[in-house]
C-alpha atoms as a PDB file:
ATOM      1  CA  MET A   1      43.466  93.930  58.032  1.00  0.00           C
ATOM      2  CA  LYS A   2      43.032  97.094  59.552  1.00  0.00           C
ATOM      3  CA  LYS A   3      40.347  94.333  61.809  1.00  0.00           C
ATOM      4  CA  LEU A   4      43.777  92.686  62.893  1.00  0.00           C
ATOM      5  CA  LEU A   5      45.966  95.679  63.266  1.00  0.00           C
ATOM      6  CA  SER A   6      43.396  96.513  65.816  1.00  0.00           C
ATOM      7  CA  VAL A   7      43.453  93.136  67.400  1.00  0.00           C
ATOM      8  CA  VAL A   8      46.747  92.904  67.791  1.00  0.00           C
ATOM      9  CA  LEU A   9      46.681  96.424  69.247  1.00  0.00           C
ATOM     10  CA  ALA A  10      44.344  95.898  71.638  1.00  0.00           C
ATOM     11  CA  SER A  11      45.842  93.026  72.631  1.00  0.00           C
ATOM     12  CA  ALA A  12      50.067  94.515  73.316  1.00  0.00           C
ATOM     13  CA  LEU A  13      48.170  98.025  75.399  1.00  0.00           C
ATOM     14  CA  CYS A  14      46.640  94.932  77.797  1.00  0.00           C
ATOM     15  CA  LEU A  15      49.890  92.587  78.233  1.00  0.00           C
ATOM     16  CA  SER A  16      51.929  96.719  79.165  1.00  0.00           C
ATOM     17  CA  LEU A  17      49.021  97.297  81.044  1.00  0.00           C
ATOM     18  CA  ALA A  18      49.305  94.426  82.947  1.00  0.00           C
ATOM     19  CA  ALA A  19      53.254  94.183  83.224  1.00  0.00           C
ATOM     20  CA  CYS A  20      52.930  97.335  84.677  1.00  0.00           C
ATOM     21  CA  GLY A  21      50.092  96.316  87.211  1.00  0.00           C
ATOM     22  CA  SER A  22      52.803  93.863  88.025  1.00  0.00           C
ATOM     23  CA  SER A  23      55.949  95.938  88.654  1.00  0.00           C
ATOM     24  CA  GLY A  24      54.000  97.982  90.867  1.00  0.00           C
ATOM     25  CA  GLY A  25      53.202  95.565  92.563  1.00  0.00           C
ATOM     26  CA  THR A  26      56.303  93.977  93.438  1.00  0.00           C
ATOM     27  CA  SER A  27      57.112  97.988  94.266  1.00  0.00           C
ATOM     28  CA  SER A  28      54.618  97.706  96.527  1.00  0.00           C
ATOM     29  CA  ALA A  29      55.759  94.092  97.403  1.00  0.00           C
ATOM     30  CA  LYS A  30      59.852  95.447  98.448  1.00  0.00           C
ATOM     31  CA  SER A  31      58.456  98.718  99.593  1.00  0.00           C
ATOM     32  CA  ALA A  32      56.398  96.009 102.337  1.00  0.00           C
ATOM     33  CA  ALA A  33      59.364  93.950 102.780  1.00  0.00           C
ATOM     34  CA  GLY A  34      61.620  96.604 104.127  1.00  0.00           C
ATOM     35  CA  SER A  35      59.019  98.049 106.399  1.00  0.00           C
ATOM     36  CA  SER A  36      58.536  93.813 107.966  1.00  0.00           C
ATOM     37  CA  GLN A  37      62.866  93.618 107.660  1.00  0.00           C
ATOM     38  CA  ALA A  38      63.189  97.055 109.669  1.00  0.00           C
ATOM     39  CA  ALA A  39      60.925  96.034 112.674  1.00  0.00           C
ATOM     40  CA  SER A  40      61.348  92.542 113.158  1.00  0.00           C
ATOM     41  CA  GLY A  41      65.516  92.380 111.683  1.00  0.00           C
ATOM     42  CA  SER A  42      64.669  89.414 110.576  1.00  0.00           C
ATOM     43  CA  ALA A  43      65.404  89.698 106.874  1.00  0.00           C
ATOM     44  CA  GLN A  44      68.605  90.445 105.030  1.00  0.00           C
ATOM     45  CA  SER A  45      69.242  94.350 105.521  1.00  0.00           C
ATOM     46  CA  SER A  46      70.113  95.971 101.741  1.00  0.00           C
ATOM     47  CA  ASP A  47      72.406  98.301 103.500  1.00  0.00           C
ATOM     48  CA  GLU A  48      76.428  97.943 103.830  1.00  0.00           C
ATOM     49  CA  THR A  49      77.680  96.254 106.627  1.00  0.00           C
ATOM     50  CA  VAL A  50      79.499  97.255 109.677  1.00  0.00           C
ATOM     51  CA  LYS A  51      82.058  96.097 112.182  1.00  0.00           C
ATOM     52  CA  LEU A  52      82.065  97.801 115.570  1.00  0.00           C
ATOM     53  CA  THR A  53      84.665  97.580 118.541  1.00  0.00           C
ATOM     54  CA  ALA A  54      82.469  97.949 121.894  1.00  0.00           C
ATOM     55  CA  ILE A  55      84.564  97.348 125.186  1.00  0.00           C
ATOM     56  CA  VAL A  56      82.686  96.916 128.980  1.00  0.00           C
ATOM     57  CA  ALA A  57      85.713  98.728 130.249  1.00  0.00           C
ATOM     58  CA  GLY A  58      86.841  97.554 133.872  1.00  0.00           C
ATOM     59  CA  LEU A  59      84.896  94.741 133.670  1.00  0.00           C
ATOM     60  CA  THR A  60      85.226  91.205 132.529  1.00  0.00           C
ATOM     61  CA  GLU A  61      83.608  88.863 130.565  1.00  0.00           C
ATOM     62  CA  ASP A  62      81.458  86.348 132.521  1.00  0.00           C
ATOM     63  CA  SER A  63      80.215  89.606 134.651  1.00  0.00           C
ATOM     64  CA  PRO A  64      76.611  90.849 134.314  1.00  0.00           C
ATOM     65  CA  SER A  65      78.100  93.420 131.827  1.00  0.00           C
ATOM     66  CA  GLY A  66      80.615  91.711 129.920  1.00  0.00           C
ATOM     67  CA  GLU A  67      77.821  88.544 129.562  1.00  0.00           C
ATOM     68  CA  ALA A  68      75.526  91.515 128.067  1.00  0.00           C
ATOM     69  CA  LEU A  69      77.907  93.115 125.319  1.00  0.00           C
ATOM     70  CA  LYS A  70      78.342  90.000 124.088  1.00  0.00           C
ATOM     71  CA  LYS A  71      74.011  89.771 124.487  1.00  0.00           C
ATOM     72  CA  PHE A  72      74.340  92.782 122.674  1.00  0.00           C
ATOM     73  CA  ALA A  73      75.995  92.145 119.374  1.00  0.00           C
ATOM     74  CA  GLU A  74      74.043  89.087 118.847  1.00  0.00           C
ATOM     75  CA  LEU A  75      70.611  91.349 119.090  1.00  0.00           C
ATOM     76  CA  CYS A  76      72.464  94.167 116.914  1.00  0.00           C
ATOM     77  CA  LYS A  77      73.282  91.673 113.984  1.00  0.00           C
ATOM     78  CA  GLU A  78      69.509  90.428 114.869  1.00  0.00           C
ATOM     79  CA  TYR A  79      67.854  93.881 114.633  1.00  0.00           C
ATOM     80  CA  SER A  80      69.940  95.099 112.037  1.00  0.00           C
ATOM     81  CA  GLY A  81      69.560  92.192 109.200  1.00  0.00           C
ATOM     82  CA  GLY A  82      73.022  90.818 109.579  1.00  0.00           C
ATOM     83  CA  SER A  83      74.188  94.656 108.246  1.00  0.00           C
ATOM     84  CA  VAL A  84      75.502  95.341 111.856  1.00  0.00           C
ATOM     85  CA  GLU A  85      78.540  93.445 113.517  1.00  0.00           C
ATOM     86  CA  VAL A  86      79.744  93.597 116.601  1.00  0.00           C
ATOM     87  CA  ASP A  87      84.042  93.223 118.005  1.00  0.00           C
ATOM     88  CA  CYS A  88      83.784  92.179 122.318  1.00  0.00           C
ATOM     89  CA  PHE A  89      85.673  93.135 124.584  1.00  0.00           C
ATOM     90  CA  PHE A  90      86.727  92.948 128.101  1.00  0.00           C
ATOM     91  CA  ASN A  91      88.508  94.697 130.973  1.00  0.00           C
ATOM     92  CA  THR A  92      90.927  95.821 130.316  1.00  0.00           C
ATOM     93  CA  ASP A  93      91.484  94.475 126.477  1.00  0.00           C
ATOM     94  CA  LEU A  94      92.010  97.361 124.848  1.00  0.00           C
ATOM     95  CA  GLY A  95      93.678 100.059 127.741  1.00  0.00           C
ATOM     96  CA  SER A  96      93.259 101.586 130.776  1.00  0.00           C
ATOM     97  CA  VAL A  97      89.729 102.753 131.470  1.00  0.00           C
ATOM     98  CA  ALA A  98      90.783 106.049 130.954  1.00  0.00           C
ATOM     99  CA  SER A  99      92.185 105.099 127.471  1.00  0.00           C
ATOM    100  CA  CYS A 100      89.273 103.655 126.349  1.00  0.00           C
ATOM    101  CA  VAL A 101      86.777 106.535 127.082  1.00  0.00           C
ATOM    102  CA  ASP A 102      89.364 109.089 125.815  1.00  0.00           C
ATOM    103  CA  SER A 103      89.529 106.324 122.724  1.00  0.00           C
ATOM    104  CA  MET A 104      85.604 106.000 122.346  1.00  0.00           C
ATOM    105  CA  ALA A 105      85.426 110.156 122.391  1.00  0.00           C
ATOM    106  CA  GLN A 106      88.255 110.431 119.101  1.00  0.00           C
ATOM    107  CA  GLY A 107      86.364 107.874 117.276  1.00  0.00           C
ATOM    108  CA  THR A 108      89.725 105.407 117.630  1.00  0.00           C
ATOM    109  CA  ILE A 109      86.310 102.727 119.064  1.00  0.00           C
ATOM    110  CA  ASP A 110      83.196 102.681 117.948  1.00  0.00           C
ATOM    111  CA  ILE A 111      81.373 101.840 121.393  1.00  0.00           C
ATOM    112  CA  CYS A 112      82.184 101.736 125.485  1.00  0.00           C
ATOM    113  CA  SER A 113      80.357 101.319 128.584  1.00  0.00           C
ATOM    114  CA  THR A 114      81.870 101.373 132.286  1.00  0.00           C
ATOM    115  CA  GLY A 115      81.199 103.602 135.199  1.00  0.00           C
ATOM    116  CA  THR A 116      80.417 107.196 135.279  1.00  0.00           C
ATOM    117  CA  SER A 117      83.567 108.324 136.839  1.00  0.00           C
ATOM    118  CA  TYR A 118      85.775 108.126 133.931  1.00  0.00           C
ATOM    119  CA  PHE A 119      83.000 110.454 131.837  1.00  0.00           C
ATOM    120  CA  ALA A 120      82.710 112.528 134.240  1.00  0.00           C
ATOM    121  CA  GLY A 121      86.068 115.140 132.729  1.00  0.00           C
ATOM    122  CA  TYR A 122      83.503 115.542 129.939  1.00  0.00           C
ATOM    123  CA  VAL A 123      80.587 116.426 131.650  1.00  0.00           C
ATOM    124  CA  PRO A 124      80.906 116.036 135.493  1.00  0.00           C
ATOM    125  CA  ALA A 125      77.215 116.492 136.509  1.00  0.00           C
ATOM    126  CA  ILE A 126      77.121 113.264 135.730  1.00  0.00           C
ATOM    127  CA  GLN A 127      78.477 112.530 138.484  1.00  0.00           C
ATOM    128  CA  VAL A 128      75.431 113.576 140.644  1.00  0.00           C
ATOM    129  CA  PHE A 129      74.499 109.047 139.609  1.00  0.00           C
ATOM    130  CA  GLU A 130      77.015 107.920 142.199  1.00  0.00           C
ATOM    131  CA  LEU A 131      77.070 110.498 144.767  1.00  0.00           C
ATOM    132  CA  PRO A 132      76.985 108.430 148.629  1.00  0.00           C
ATOM    133  CA  TYR A 133      74.063 107.571 149.669  1.00  0.00           C
ATOM    134  CA  ILE A 134      71.454 109.114 147.343  1.00  0.00           C
ATOM    135  CA  PHE A 135      69.269 106.445 146.010  1.00  0.00           C
ATOM    136  CA  ASN A 136      68.336 103.596 148.435  1.00  0.00           C
ATOM    137  CA  THR A 137      67.005 100.395 145.662  1.00  0.00           C
ATOM    138  CA  TYR A 138      67.582  99.304 142.255  1.00  0.00           C
ATOM    139  CA  ASP A 139      63.874 100.007 141.611  1.00  0.00           C
ATOM    140  CA  GLU A 140      65.139 103.780 142.228  1.00  0.00           C
ATOM    141  CA  VAL A 141      67.834 104.158 140.845  1.00  0.00           C
ATOM    142  CA  ARG A 142      66.624 103.034 137.644  1.00  0.00           C
ATOM    143  CA  THR A 143      63.822 104.888 136.921  1.00  0.00           C
ATOM    144  CA  THR A 144      65.453 107.645 137.877  1.00  0.00           C
ATOM    145  CA  LEU A 145      68.510 107.121 134.826  1.00  0.00           C
ATOM    146  CA  ASP A 146      65.566 105.673 132.020  1.00  0.00           C
ATOM    147  CA  SER A 147      63.730 108.818 133.014  1.00  0.00           C
ATOM    148  CA  GLU A 148      63.981 113.146 132.693  1.00  0.00           C
ATOM    149  CA  PRO A 149      67.433 113.375 134.747  1.00  0.00           C
ATOM    150  CA  GLY A 150      68.830 110.366 133.208  1.00  0.00           C
ATOM    151  CA  LYS A 151      68.081 111.580 129.964  1.00  0.00           C
ATOM    152  CA  LYS A 152      68.845 115.828 131.133  1.00  0.00           C
ATOM    153  CA  ILE A 153      72.308 114.955 131.802  1.00  0.00           C
ATOM    154  CA  GLY A 154      72.828 112.371 128.606  1.00  0.00           C
ATOM    155  CA  GLU A 155      72.069 115.743 126.948  1.00  0.00           C
ATOM    156  CA  MET A 156      75.198 117.741 128.215  1.00  0.00           C
ATOM    157  CA  PHE A 157      77.148 114.871 126.296  1.00  0.00           C
ATOM    158  CA  ASP A 158      76.351 116.790 122.574  1.00  0.00           C
ATOM    159  CA  GLY A 159      80.049 118.068 121.407  1.00  0.00           C
ATOM    160  CA  THR A 160      81.460 115.081 123.212  1.00  0.00           C
ATOM    161  CA  GLY A 161      82.663 113.142 120.504  1.00  0.00           C
ATOM    162  CA  MET A 162      79.892 110.863 121.816  1.00  0.00           C
ATOM    163  CA  LYS A 163      76.223 110.113 122.585  1.00  0.00           C
ATOM    164  CA  LEU A 164      74.278 108.357 125.349  1.00  0.00           C
ATOM    165  CA  LEU A 165      73.041 105.208 124.025  1.00  0.00           C
ATOM    166  CA  CYS A 166      71.279 104.700 127.536  1.00  0.00           C
ATOM    167  CA  TYR A 167      72.853 103.712 131.413  1.00  0.00           C
ATOM    168  CA  TRP A 168      73.550  99.606 132.281  1.00  0.00           C
ATOM    169  CA  GLU A 169      74.745  99.330 135.558  1.00  0.00           C
ATOM    170  CA  SER A 170      77.903  97.846 137.731  1.00  0.00           C
ATOM    171  CA  GLY A 171      75.235  97.887 140.480  1.00  0.00           C
ATOM    172  CA  MET A 172      75.819  98.973 144.642  1.00  0.00           C
ATOM    173  CA  ARG A 173      78.647  99.637 146.237  1.00  0.00           C
ATOM    174  CA  HIS A 174      80.645  97.750 149.237  1.00  0.00           C
ATOM    175  CA  VAL A 175      83.693  97.793 151.708  1.00  0.00           C
ATOM    176  CA  SER A 176      85.873  94.726 151.114  1.00  0.00           C
ATOM    177  CA  ASP A 177      89.302  95.198 153.019  1.00  0.00           C
ATOM    178  CA  SER A 178      91.964  93.571 155.072  1.00  0.00           C
ATOM    179  CA  ARG A 179      92.028  95.503 158.171  1.00  0.00           C
ATOM    180  CA  ASN A 180      88.497  94.875 160.311  1.00  0.00           C
ATOM    181  CA  PRO A 181      85.445  94.800 159.972  1.00  0.00           C
ATOM    182  CA  ILE A 182      83.359  98.019 158.661  1.00  0.00           C
ATOM    183  CA  ASN A 183      80.434  98.608 160.675  1.00  0.00           C
ATOM    184  CA  VAL A 184      80.612 102.624 161.986  1.00  0.00           C
ATOM    185  CA  PRO A 185      82.446 105.417 160.200  1.00  0.00           C
ATOM    186  CA  ASP A 186      85.280 105.173 163.171  1.00  0.00           C
ATOM    187  CA  ASP A 187      85.917 102.072 162.313  1.00  0.00           C
ATOM    188  CA  MET A 188      87.554 103.744 158.813  1.00  0.00           C
ATOM    189  CA  LYS A 189      90.126 105.553 160.301  1.00  0.00           C
ATOM    190  CA  GLY A 190      93.477 105.762 158.329  1.00  0.00           C
ATOM    191  CA  LEU A 191      92.127 103.260 155.916  1.00  0.00           C
ATOM    192  CA  LYS A 192      93.587 102.839 152.986  1.00  0.00           C
ATOM    193  CA  ILE A 193      91.202 101.975 149.982  1.00  0.00           C
ATOM    194  CA  ARG A 194      91.539 102.233 146.393  1.00  0.00           C
ATOM    195  CA  THR A 195      88.875 104.722 144.071  1.00  0.00           C
ATOM    196  CA  VAL A 196      89.272 105.894 141.097  1.00  0.00           C
ATOM    197  CA  VAL A 197      90.772 110.037 140.244  1.00  0.00           C
ATOM    198  CA  SER A 198      87.170 111.627 141.213  1.00  0.00           C
ATOM    199  CA  PRO A 199      87.250 114.965 143.908  1.00  0.00           C
ATOM    200  CA  THR A 200      84.126 113.439 144.884  1.00  0.00           C
ATOM    201  CA  GLN A 201      84.671 110.020 145.233  1.00  0.00           C
ATOM    202  CA  GLN A 202      87.850 111.164 147.096  1.00  0.00           C
ATOM    203  CA  ALA A 203      86.130 114.194 149.390  1.00  0.00           C
ATOM    204  CA  THR A 204      83.749 110.421 150.333  1.00  0.00           C
ATOM    205  CA  TRP A 205      86.209 108.987 151.950  1.00  0.00           C
ATOM    206  CA  GLU A 206      87.826 111.316 153.528  1.00  0.00           C
ATOM    207  CA  ALA A 207      84.655 111.941 154.901  1.00  0.00           C
ATOM    208  CA  PHE A 208      83.768 108.944 155.857  1.00  0.00           C
ATOM    209  CA  GLY A 209      87.781 109.076 158.268  1.00  0.00           C
ATOM    210  CA  ALA A 210      89.671 106.648 155.193  1.00  0.00           C
ATOM    211  CA  ILE A 211      93.040 107.724 152.915  1.00  0.00           C
ATOM    212  CA  PRO A 212      91.928 107.814 149.521  1.00  0.00           C
ATOM    213  CA  MET A 213      94.253 106.825 146.627  1.00  0.00           C
ATOM    214  CA  ALA A 214      93.138 106.638 143.236  1.00  0.00           C
ATOM    215  CA  LEU A 215      94.105 103.595 141.082  1.00  0.00           C
ATOM    216  CA  ASP A 216      92.832 102.466 138.067  1.00  0.00           C
ATOM    217  CA  MET A 217      91.114  99.557 137.852  1.00  0.00           C
ATOM    218  CA  GLY A 218      93.424  96.650 136.168  1.00  0.00           C
ATOM    219  CA  GLU A 219      95.979  97.108 139.306  1.00  0.00           C
ATOM    220  CA  VAL A 220      93.535  97.397 142.009  1.00  0.00           C
ATOM    221  CA  PHE A 221      94.378  92.824 142.492  1.00  0.00           C
ATOM    222  CA  THR A 222      98.122  93.839 142.680  1.00  0.00           C
ATOM    223  CA  ALA A 223      97.467  96.725 144.787  1.00  0.00           C
ATOM    224  CA  LEU A 224      95.415  94.704 147.796  1.00  0.00           C
ATOM    225  CA  GLN A 225      97.977  92.067 147.442  1.00  0.00           C
ATOM    226  CA  ASN A 226     100.752  93.830 147.955  1.00  0.00           C
ATOM    227  CA  GLY A 227      99.309  96.359 151.140  1.00  0.00           C
ATOM    228  CA  THR A 228      99.971  99.511 148.574  1.00  0.00           C
ATOM    229  CA  VAL A 229      96.050  99.987 149.427  1.00  0.00           C
ATOM    230  CA  ASP A 230      94.007  97.915 152.563  1.00  0.00           C
ATOM    231  CA  ALA A 231      90.740  98.226 151.171  1.00  0.00           C
ATOM    232  CA  GLN A 232      88.417  99.569 148.045  1.00  0.00           C
ATOM    233  CA  GLU A 233      84.523  99.489 147.292  1.00  0.00           C
ATOM    234  CA  ASN A 234      82.874  98.436 144.618  1.00  0.00           C
ATOM    235  CA  THR A 235      80.002  96.224 143.283  1.00  0.00           C
ATOM    236  CA  LEU A 236      79.911  91.932 144.117  1.00  0.00           C
ATOM    237  CA  SER A 237      80.058  91.212 140.858  1.00  0.00           C
ATOM    238  CA  SER A 238      83.076  92.740 140.365  1.00  0.00           C
ATOM    239  CA  ILE A 239      84.561  91.865 144.172  1.00  0.00           C
ATOM    240  CA  VAL A 240      83.951  88.206 142.915  1.00  0.00           C
ATOM    241  CA  SER A 241      85.245  87.792 139.203  1.00  0.00           C
ATOM    242  CA  TYR A 242      88.228  89.854 140.111  1.00  0.00           C
ATOM    243  CA  LYS A 243      89.111  87.319 143.329  1.00  0.00           C
ATOM    244  CA  MET A 244      89.302  90.031 145.858  1.00  0.00           C
ATOM    245  CA  TYR A 245      88.770  87.372 148.212  1.00  0.00           C
ATOM    246  CA  GLU A 246      92.091  85.995 148.356  1.00  0.00           C
ATOM    247  CA  VAL A 247      92.849  88.881 149.603  1.00  0.00           C
ATOM    248  CA  GLN A 248      90.778  90.752 151.366  1.00  0.00           C
ATOM    249  CA  LYS A 249      88.931  89.159 154.554  1.00  0.00           C
ATOM    250  CA  TYR A 250      86.335  91.799 155.366  1.00  0.00           C
ATOM    251  CA  LEU A 251      83.329  92.543 153.669  1.00  0.00           C
ATOM    252  CA  SER A 252      80.861  95.160 155.063  1.00  0.00           C
ATOM    253  CA  MET A 253      77.215  96.416 152.667  1.00  0.00           C
ATOM    254  CA  THR A 254      77.773  99.525 152.939  1.00  0.00           C
ATOM    255  CA  TYR A 255      75.236 100.709 149.427  1.00  0.00           C
ATOM    256  CA  HIS A 256      77.605 103.838 149.862  1.00  0.00           C
ATOM    257  CA  SER A 257      76.409 104.288 146.062  1.00  0.00           C
ATOM    258  CA  TYR A 258      75.380 103.547 142.605  1.00  0.00           C
ATOM    259  CA  THR A 259      77.599 103.027 139.744  1.00  0.00           C
ATOM    260  CA  PRO A 260      75.946 103.317 137.104  1.00  0.00           C
ATOM    261  CA  MET A 261      77.343 102.503 133.336  1.00  0.00           C
ATOM    262  CA  PRO A 262      76.403 105.048 131.106  1.00  0.00           C
ATOM    263  CA  PHE A 263      76.132 103.175 126.841  1.00  0.00           C
ATOM    264  CA  PHE A 264      78.721 105.138 124.564  1.00  0.00           C
ATOM    265  CA  ILE A 265      79.171 105.148 120.969  1.00  0.00           C
ATOM    266  CA  ASN A 266      81.095 107.445 118.913  1.00  0.00           C
ATOM    267  CA  GLN A 267      78.483 110.369 116.998  1.00  0.00           C
ATOM    268  CA  LYS A 268      80.854 110.543 114.338  1.00  0.00           C
ATOM    269  CA  LYS A 269      80.191 106.694 114.346  1.00  0.00           C
ATOM    270  CA  TRP A 270      75.773 106.826 114.650  1.00  0.00           C
ATOM    271  CA  ASP A 271      76.222 109.871 112.602  1.00  0.00           C
ATOM    272  CA  SER A 272      76.939 107.947 110.252  1.00  0.00           C
ATOM    273  CA  LEU A 273      74.491 105.131 109.548  1.00  0.00           C
ATOM    274  CA  SER A 274      71.837 104.626 108.575  1.00  0.00           C
ATOM    275  CA  GLU A 275      68.597 105.723 110.131  1.00  0.00           C
ATOM    276  CA  ASN A 276      67.763 101.820 110.264  1.00  0.00           C
ATOM    277  CA  GLN A 277      71.046  99.909 112.210  1.00  0.00           C
ATOM    278  CA  GLN A 278      70.747 103.344 114.079  1.00  0.00           C
ATOM    279  CA  GLN A 279      67.675 102.080 115.804  1.00  0.00           C
ATOM    280  CA  ALA A 280      69.063  98.676 115.899  1.00  0.00           C
ATOM    281  CA  ILE A 281      71.862  99.216 117.971  1.00  0.00           C
ATOM    282  CA  GLN A 282      68.995 101.720 119.757  1.00  0.00           C
ATOM    283  CA  LYS A 283      67.334  98.717 120.948  1.00  0.00           C
ATOM    284  CA  ALA A 284      69.980  96.075 121.154  1.00  0.00           C
ATOM    285  CA  SER A 285      71.670  99.208 124.001  1.00  0.00           C
ATOM    286  CA  GLU A 286      68.999  98.887 125.716  1.00  0.00           C
ATOM    287  CA  ASP A 287      67.667  95.338 125.380  1.00  0.00           C
ATOM    288  CA  ALA A 288      70.790  93.862 126.916  1.00  0.00           C
ATOM    289  CA  ARG A 289      70.923  96.792 129.147  1.00  0.00           C
ATOM    290  CA  ASP A 290      67.019  95.200 130.503  1.00  0.00           C
ATOM    291  CA  LEU A 291      69.557  91.179 130.977  1.00  0.00           C
ATOM    292  CA  GLU A 292      72.040  93.080 132.261  1.00  0.00           C
ATOM    293  CA  ARG A 293      69.801  94.641 134.903  1.00  0.00           C
ATOM    294  CA  GLN A 294      68.369  91.088 135.809  1.00  0.00           C
ATOM    295  CA  LEU A 295      71.306  88.567 135.539  1.00  0.00           C
ATOM    296  CA  ASN A 296      72.679  91.940 138.448  1.00  0.00           C
ATOM    297  CA  SER A 297      70.117  91.329 140.755  1.00  0.00           C
ATOM    298  CA  GLU A 298      69.799  87.236 140.096  1.00  0.00           C
ATOM    299  CA  SER A 299      73.584  87.192 141.215  1.00  0.00           C
ATOM    300  CA  GLU A 300      73.761  89.354 144.536  1.00  0.00           C
ATOM    301  CA  GLU A 301      72.742  86.637 146.470  1.00  0.00           C
ATOM    302  CA  THR A 302      74.937  83.607 144.414  1.00  0.00           C
ATOM    303  CA  ASN A 303      78.012  85.955 145.059  1.00  0.00           C
ATOM    304  CA  ILE A 304      76.968  86.383 148.764  1.00  0.00           C
ATOM    305  CA  GLN A 305      77.447  83.118 149.337  1.00  0.00           C
ATOM    306  CA  ILE A 306      81.318  82.409 147.518  1.00  0.00           C
ATOM    307  CA  LEU A 307      82.733  85.482 149.428  1.00  0.00           C
ATOM    308  CA  LYS A 308      81.290  83.293 152.441  1.00  0.00           C
ATOM    309  CA  ASP A 309      82.421  79.764 150.729  1.00  0.00           C
ATOM    310  CA  ASN A 310      86.103  81.445 150.485  1.00  0.00           C
ATOM    311  CA  GLY A 311      85.773  82.625 153.910  1.00  0.00           C
ATOM    312  CA  VAL A 312      84.865  86.074 153.606  1.00  0.00           C
ATOM    313  CA  GLU A 313      83.288  87.645 156.588  1.00  0.00           C
ATOM    314  CA  ILE A 314      80.714  89.558 155.701  1.00  0.00           C
ATOM    315  CA  ASN A 315      79.165  92.657 157.868  1.00  0.00           C
ATOM    316  CA  GLU A 316      75.683  92.808 156.474  1.00  0.00           C
ATOM    317  CA  GLU A 317      74.305  95.621 158.792  1.00  0.00           C
ATOM    318  CA  PRO A 318      76.390  98.464 159.227  1.00  0.00           C
ATOM    319  CA  ASP A 319      75.664 100.980 160.373  1.00  0.00           C
ATOM    320  CA  ARG A 320      74.683 102.893 157.196  1.00  0.00           C
ATOM    321  CA  GLU A 321      72.346 106.547 158.643  1.00  0.00           C
ATOM    322  CA  ALA A 322      75.909 107.112 160.716  1.00  0.00           C
ATOM    323  CA  PHE A 323      77.469 107.081 157.101  1.00  0.00           C
ATOM    324  CA  ALA A 324      75.076 109.462 155.087  1.00  0.00           C
ATOM    325  CA  ALA A 325      75.196 111.749 158.035  1.00  0.00           C
ATOM    326  CA  LEU A 326      78.679 113.009 156.839  1.00  0.00           C
ATOM    327  CA  CYS A 327      77.730 113.456 153.302  1.00  0.00           C
ATOM    328  CA  GLY A 328      77.046 117.166 153.650  1.00  0.00           C
ATOM    329  CA  PRO A 329      80.338 118.062 152.179  1.00  0.00           C
ATOM    330  CA  VAL A 330      80.714 115.994 149.897  1.00  0.00           C
ATOM    331  CA  TYR A 331      77.178 117.772 147.904  1.00  0.00           C
ATOM    332  CA  ASP A 332      79.199 120.746 148.290  1.00  0.00           C
ATOM    333  CA  ILE A 333      81.871 119.855 147.338  1.00  0.00           C
ATOM    334  CA  PHE A 334      80.131 118.451 143.921  1.00  0.00           C
ATOM    335  CA  ASN A 335      77.343 121.732 143.619  1.00  0.00           C
ATOM    336  CA  ASN A 336      80.731 123.877 143.048  1.00  0.00           C
ATOM    337  CA  GLN A 337      82.709 121.367 141.579  1.00  0.00           C
ATOM    338  CA  ILE A 338      80.152 122.489 138.458  1.00  0.00           C
ATOM    339  CA  GLY A 339      78.644 125.525 139.457  1.00  0.00           C
ATOM    340  CA  THR A 340      75.349 124.990 140.775  1.00  0.00           C
ATOM    341  CA  ASP A 341      73.292 122.784 142.920  1.00  0.00           C
ATOM    342  CA  GLU A 342      70.554 122.456 140.087  1.00  0.00           C
ATOM    343  CA  TYR A 343      71.167 118.202 138.940  1.00  0.00           C
ATOM    344  CA  LEU A 344      71.888 117.083 142.577  1.00  0.00           C
ATOM    345  CA  THR A 345      68.215 119.292 143.467  1.00  0.00           C
ATOM    346  CA  MET A 346      66.878 117.909 140.738  1.00  0.00           C
ATOM    347  CA  VAL A 347      67.791 114.151 141.084  1.00  0.00           C
ATOM    348  CA  GLN A 348      67.100 113.895 145.059  1.00  0.00           C
ATOM    349  CA  GLU A 349      63.348 115.827 144.148  1.00  0.00           C
ATOM    350  CA  TYR A 350      63.059 113.052 140.998  1.00  0.00           C
ATOM    351  CA  VAL A 351      63.654 110.280 143.625  1.00  0.00           C
ATOM    352  CA  GLU A 352      61.192 111.983 146.681  1.00  0.00           C
ATOM    353  CA  THR A 353      58.069 111.535 144.047  1.00  0.00           C
ATOM    354  CA  LEU A 354      59.313 107.087 144.162  1.00  0.00           C
ATOM    355  CA  ARG A 355      59.058 107.080 147.951  1.00  0.00           C
END
């Protein structure tokens, strides 16, 4: 009887150890699966699903930025295992560009990307990237934004209610007008040109001899149509997507400045997300940025041809050196505005290492 009891107890012990071993194996498998899920985003996430509102303010759905925002939404869902869903909005769907930026800082919009000038009220130094004739090529500016200068400016937004994820772009800017071709600064004298609300932007056009008039992007086409302004300056993709060729006769390829589009998320929303969700959103923003830049580069020649096909007279080689020679006072205004020449010097010295 004792012998039989010993056999039963031994069998039970074996079964118990086997069960523990099985349980340990399952835990390890679950841990490995979780790590794999975080890396690939292919499995269903255990995180609670969050829905984010995102907008590329001032840019249309069919622009490179609009296409990239839709891709960003797809990638967020993929990389997060389905736990991050993004509702996309474009142009002025959620209000004026300025109000969208403020709403994102306050948290009523989760993600907003638009031109740097609209963020200057929070960190004036960010305008350094759009000062006239700082960059010569797309490679220069993209490398600068993705490296230490871009990171340093981004860190200055700590405490503003927004977190910089990366820099998207609107692109290199040119002048369109309804009066005459622009080849030298004298051709701009008395030209009423639309600008954003920015001291450096206004100073730029005053230095070139034009009369700057601040307007929200949603008002520009009508202002050009009714003659409130004669001209505007913008990227080729925006000029085409807004069909400005319907109210502008001339385009001058001035390459006078570049407009980054900082891609921000509301800080409180970011802090509320899990680490896996944060990683997914960060990666999605950078991958979508790369797509946007690619689309923007690919669209340049296409957009020039569209403008030509619609009767726009294009001056491809204005005297850019003549315009650049007038920019010293604009740089001084920028330095005085922020109280130091540190940021302009930082960017200029960094760009010099790339040339």
